[in-house]
Amino acid sequence: MYHDGLIGNLGIIQILASHTTGFFNSMLPKGKQPYKLKDIIPSQYEYLYPPLSEQDKKDKTNKDLINFIKSKPKAPQELFKDK
């Protein structure tokens, strides 16, 4: 995205959206569900974070599972081998 520039639309949207989300969440009473970036700027959310392809989703799931298994100190090493 070279057309965004160093401080272009993408940077401005990221900063304003994260500050707005944080400000709204700071005013919420305890126990309420916090606002998410998708709630604040739904029309620009996919511009900031494009949806993953099916292969990327599978890769992310595999990576998350491996990281979860690695967090256990005595995880069996055969779980980390490629099959």
N, C-alpha and C. Protein backbone atom coordinates (compact mmCIF):
# COMPACT_ATOMS: atom_id res chain seq x y z
N MET A 1 0.82 -1.18 0.00
CA MET A 1 0.00 0.00 0.00
C MET A 1 0.86 1.24 0.00
N TYR A 2 1.53 1.47 -1.07
CA TYR A 2 2.42 2.62 -1.16
C TYR A 2 1.65 3.94 -1.20
N HIS A 3 0.42 3.91 -1.69
CA HIS A 3 -0.35 5.14 -1.80
C HIS A 3 -0.77 5.70 -0.44
N ASP A 4 -0.66 4.91 0.62
CA ASP A 4 -1.00 5.40 1.95
C ASP A 4 0.05 6.35 2.49
N GLY A 5 1.27 6.16 2.07
CA GLY A 5 2.33 7.02 2.55
C GLY A 5 2.72 6.70 3.98
N LEU A 6 3.71 7.41 4.49
CA LEU A 6 4.18 7.18 5.85
C LEU A 6 3.10 7.52 6.87
N ILE A 7 2.50 8.68 6.70
CA ILE A 7 1.39 9.07 7.57
C ILE A 7 0.21 9.36 6.64
N GLY A 8 -0.34 8.29 6.08
CA GLY A 8 -1.45 8.42 5.14
C GLY A 8 -2.74 7.98 5.78
N ASN A 9 -3.68 7.62 4.93
CA ASN A 9 -5.00 7.22 5.41
C ASN A 9 -4.92 6.05 6.38
N LEU A 10 -4.13 5.05 6.05
CA LEU A 10 -4.04 3.87 6.90
C LEU A 10 -3.56 4.23 8.29
N GLY A 11 -2.49 5.00 8.39
CA GLY A 11 -1.96 5.39 9.69
C GLY A 11 -2.92 6.23 10.49
N ILE A 12 -3.59 7.16 9.83
CA ILE A 12 -4.54 8.03 10.51
C ILE A 12 -5.72 7.22 11.04
N ILE A 13 -6.24 6.32 10.22
CA ILE A 13 -7.38 5.50 10.64
C ILE A 13 -6.98 4.61 11.82
N GLN A 14 -5.80 4.00 11.76
CA GLN A 14 -5.36 3.14 12.86
C GLN A 14 -5.25 3.92 14.17
N ILE A 15 -4.66 5.08 14.13
CA ILE A 15 -4.46 5.86 15.35
C ILE A 15 -5.79 6.36 15.89
N LEU A 16 -6.60 6.98 15.05
CA LEU A 16 -7.88 7.52 15.52
C LEU A 16 -8.80 6.41 16.03
N ALA A 17 -8.84 5.31 15.33
CA ALA A 17 -9.72 4.22 15.73
C ALA A 17 -9.28 3.61 17.05
N SER A 18 -7.98 3.40 17.23
CA SER A 18 -7.52 2.79 18.49
C SER A 18 -7.72 3.75 19.66
N HIS A 19 -7.51 5.04 19.45
CA HIS A 19 -7.74 6.01 20.53
C HIS A 19 -9.23 6.13 20.86
N THR A 20 -10.08 6.11 19.84
CA THR A 20 -11.52 6.19 20.06
C THR A 20 -12.01 4.96 20.81
N THR A 21 -11.54 3.79 20.40
CA THR A 21 -11.93 2.56 21.08
C THR A 21 -11.49 2.58 22.54
N GLY A 22 -10.25 2.99 22.78
CA GLY A 22 -9.76 3.08 24.16
C GLY A 22 -10.54 4.07 24.99
N PHE A 23 -10.90 5.21 24.40
CA PHE A 23 -11.67 6.22 25.13
C PHE A 23 -13.05 5.69 25.49
N PHE A 24 -13.73 5.07 24.52
CA PHE A 24 -15.06 4.52 24.81
C PHE A 24 -14.98 3.42 25.86
N ASN A 25 -13.95 2.58 25.80
CA ASN A 25 -13.82 1.51 26.79
C ASN A 25 -13.50 2.05 28.17
N SER A 26 -12.83 3.19 28.25
CA SER A 26 -12.51 3.75 29.56
C SER A 26 -13.75 4.28 30.27
N MET A 27 -14.80 4.59 29.52
CA MET A 27 -16.03 5.10 30.13
C MET A 27 -17.04 4.01 30.46
N LEU A 28 -16.78 2.78 30.06
CA LEU A 28 -17.72 1.69 30.32
C LEU A 28 -17.73 1.32 31.80
N PRO A 29 -18.90 1.01 32.33
CA PRO A 29 -18.94 0.49 33.70
C PRO A 29 -18.39 -0.93 33.75
N LYS A 30 -17.98 -1.35 34.94
CA LYS A 30 -17.44 -2.70 35.09
C LYS A 30 -18.48 -3.74 34.70
N GLY A 31 -17.99 -4.79 34.07
CA GLY A 31 -18.86 -5.90 33.69
C GLY A 31 -19.48 -5.77 32.31
N LYS A 32 -19.39 -4.61 31.71
CA LYS A 32 -19.93 -4.43 30.36
C LYS A 32 -18.93 -4.95 29.34
N GLN A 33 -19.43 -5.40 28.20
CA GLN A 33 -18.57 -5.92 27.14
C GLN A 33 -17.83 -4.75 26.48
N PRO A 34 -16.50 -4.86 26.35
CA PRO A 34 -15.74 -3.74 25.77
C PRO A 34 -16.01 -3.60 24.27
N TYR A 35 -15.84 -2.37 23.81
CA TYR A 35 -15.94 -2.11 22.38
C TYR A 35 -14.72 -2.70 21.67
N LYS A 36 -14.93 -3.11 20.45
CA LYS A 36 -13.83 -3.60 19.61
C LYS A 36 -13.69 -2.65 18.43
N LEU A 37 -12.55 -2.72 17.80
CA LEU A 37 -12.29 -1.85 16.66
C LEU A 37 -13.35 -2.03 15.58
N LYS A 38 -13.81 -3.26 15.41
CA LYS A 38 -14.84 -3.55 14.41
C LYS A 38 -16.16 -2.84 14.74
N ASP A 39 -16.42 -2.60 16.03
CA ASP A 39 -17.63 -1.90 16.44
C ASP A 39 -17.53 -0.40 16.16
N ILE A 40 -16.34 0.15 16.26
CA ILE A 40 -16.15 1.59 16.12
C ILE A 40 -16.15 2.01 14.65
N ILE A 41 -15.40 1.29 13.82
CA ILE A 41 -15.30 1.65 12.39
C ILE A 41 -15.53 0.41 11.52
N PRO A 42 -16.76 -0.07 11.45
CA PRO A 42 -16.99 -1.31 10.69
C PRO A 42 -16.69 -1.19 9.20
N SER A 43 -16.89 -0.02 8.63
CA SER A 43 -16.66 0.12 7.18
C SER A 43 -15.17 0.13 6.82
N GLN A 44 -14.31 0.50 7.76
CA GLN A 44 -12.88 0.57 7.48
C GLN A 44 -12.10 -0.60 8.06
N TYR A 45 -12.76 -1.48 8.79
CA TYR A 45 -12.06 -2.58 9.47
C TYR A 45 -11.37 -3.50 8.47
N GLU A 46 -12.05 -3.84 7.38
CA GLU A 46 -11.44 -4.74 6.38
C GLU A 46 -10.30 -4.06 5.63
N TYR A 47 -10.31 -2.74 5.57
CA TYR A 47 -9.20 -2.02 4.95
C TYR A 47 -7.96 -2.12 5.84
N LEU A 48 -8.18 -2.02 7.14
CA LEU A 48 -7.06 -2.12 8.08
C LEU A 48 -6.55 -3.56 8.19
N TYR A 49 -7.47 -4.50 8.31
CA TYR A 49 -7.13 -5.91 8.51
C TYR A 49 -7.87 -6.75 7.49
N PRO A 50 -7.29 -6.93 6.29
CA PRO A 50 -7.98 -7.70 5.25
C PRO A 50 -8.25 -9.14 5.72
N PRO A 51 -9.37 -9.72 5.29
CA PRO A 51 -9.68 -11.09 5.71
C PRO A 51 -8.63 -12.08 5.19
N LEU A 52 -8.38 -13.11 5.98
CA LEU A 52 -7.39 -14.13 5.61
C LEU A 52 -7.97 -15.09 4.58
N SER A 53 -7.11 -15.59 3.72
CA SER A 53 -7.53 -16.63 2.78
C SER A 53 -7.69 -17.94 3.55
N GLU A 54 -8.28 -18.92 2.91
CA GLU A 54 -8.49 -20.22 3.58
C GLU A 54 -7.16 -20.85 3.99
N GLN A 55 -6.15 -20.77 3.13
CA GLN A 55 -4.85 -21.34 3.45
C GLN A 55 -4.20 -20.58 4.62
N ASP A 56 -4.34 -19.27 4.63
CA ASP A 56 -3.79 -18.48 5.73
C ASP A 56 -4.47 -18.80 7.06
N LYS A 57 -5.79 -19.05 7.00
CA LYS A 57 -6.52 -19.44 8.21
C LYS A 57 -6.01 -20.76 8.76
N LYS A 58 -5.77 -21.73 7.85
CA LYS A 58 -5.26 -23.03 8.28
C LYS A 58 -3.86 -22.89 8.87
N ASP A 59 -3.02 -22.09 8.21
CA ASP A 59 -1.66 -21.88 8.72
C ASP A 59 -1.67 -21.22 10.09
N LYS A 60 -2.54 -20.23 10.26
CA LYS A 60 -2.63 -19.54 11.54
C LYS A 60 -3.12 -20.48 12.64
N THR A 61 -4.10 -21.32 12.32
CA THR A 61 -4.60 -22.29 13.29
C THR A 61 -3.50 -23.26 13.70
N ASN A 62 -2.74 -23.77 12.73
CA ASN A 62 -1.65 -24.69 13.04
C ASN A 62 -0.58 -24.02 13.90
N LYS A 63 -0.24 -22.79 13.56
CA LYS A 63 0.77 -22.06 14.32
C LYS A 63 0.29 -21.80 15.76
N ASP A 64 -1.00 -21.46 15.91
CA ASP A 64 -1.55 -21.23 17.24
C ASP A 64 -1.54 -22.50 18.08
N LEU A 65 -1.87 -23.63 17.45
CA LEU A 65 -1.86 -24.90 18.18
C LEU A 65 -0.45 -25.29 18.61
N ILE A 66 0.52 -25.09 17.73
CA ILE A 66 1.90 -25.42 18.08
C ILE A 66 2.38 -24.53 19.23
N ASN A 67 2.04 -23.24 19.20
CA ASN A 67 2.43 -22.35 20.29
C ASN A 67 1.76 -22.74 21.59
N PHE A 68 0.51 -23.20 21.52
CA PHE A 68 -0.18 -23.65 22.73
C PHE A 68 0.50 -24.89 23.32
N ILE A 69 0.86 -25.82 22.44
CA ILE A 69 1.53 -27.03 22.91
C ILE A 69 2.90 -26.71 23.49
N LYS A 70 3.63 -25.80 22.86
CA LYS A 70 4.95 -25.42 23.36
C LYS A 70 4.90 -24.74 24.71
N SER A 71 3.75 -24.17 25.05
CA SER A 71 3.64 -23.48 26.34
C SER A 71 3.62 -24.47 27.50
N LYS A 72 3.33 -25.73 27.22
CA LYS A 72 3.38 -26.76 28.27
C LYS A 72 4.82 -27.23 28.38
N PRO A 73 5.41 -27.14 29.57
CA PRO A 73 6.83 -27.45 29.71
C PRO A 73 7.21 -28.89 29.36
N LYS A 74 6.35 -29.84 29.62
CA LYS A 74 6.70 -31.25 29.39
C LYS A 74 5.93 -31.83 28.21
N ALA A 75 5.74 -31.03 27.17
CA ALA A 75 5.02 -31.50 25.99
C ALA A 75 5.86 -32.55 25.26
N PRO A 76 5.24 -33.64 24.78
CA PRO A 76 6.00 -34.66 24.04
C PRO A 76 6.60 -34.08 22.76
N GLN A 77 7.84 -34.37 22.50
CA GLN A 77 8.54 -33.81 21.35
C GLN A 77 8.02 -34.33 20.02
N GLU A 78 7.36 -35.50 20.01
CA GLU A 78 6.86 -36.02 18.74
C GLU A 78 5.72 -35.16 18.18
N LEU A 79 5.13 -34.30 18.99
CA LEU A 79 4.10 -33.41 18.49
C LEU A 79 4.67 -32.32 17.57
N PHE A 80 5.96 -32.04 17.68
CA PHE A 80 6.57 -30.97 16.91
C PHE A 80 7.18 -31.44 15.59
N LYS A 81 7.20 -32.75 15.35
CA LYS A 81 7.80 -33.29 14.13
C LYS A 81 6.84 -33.18 12.96
N ASP A 82 7.37 -32.88 11.79
CA ASP A 82 6.54 -32.86 10.58
C ASP A 82 6.25 -34.28 10.13
N LYS A 83 5.04 -34.49 9.67
CA LYS A 83 4.67 -35.84 9.22
C LYS A 83 4.58 -35.90 7.74
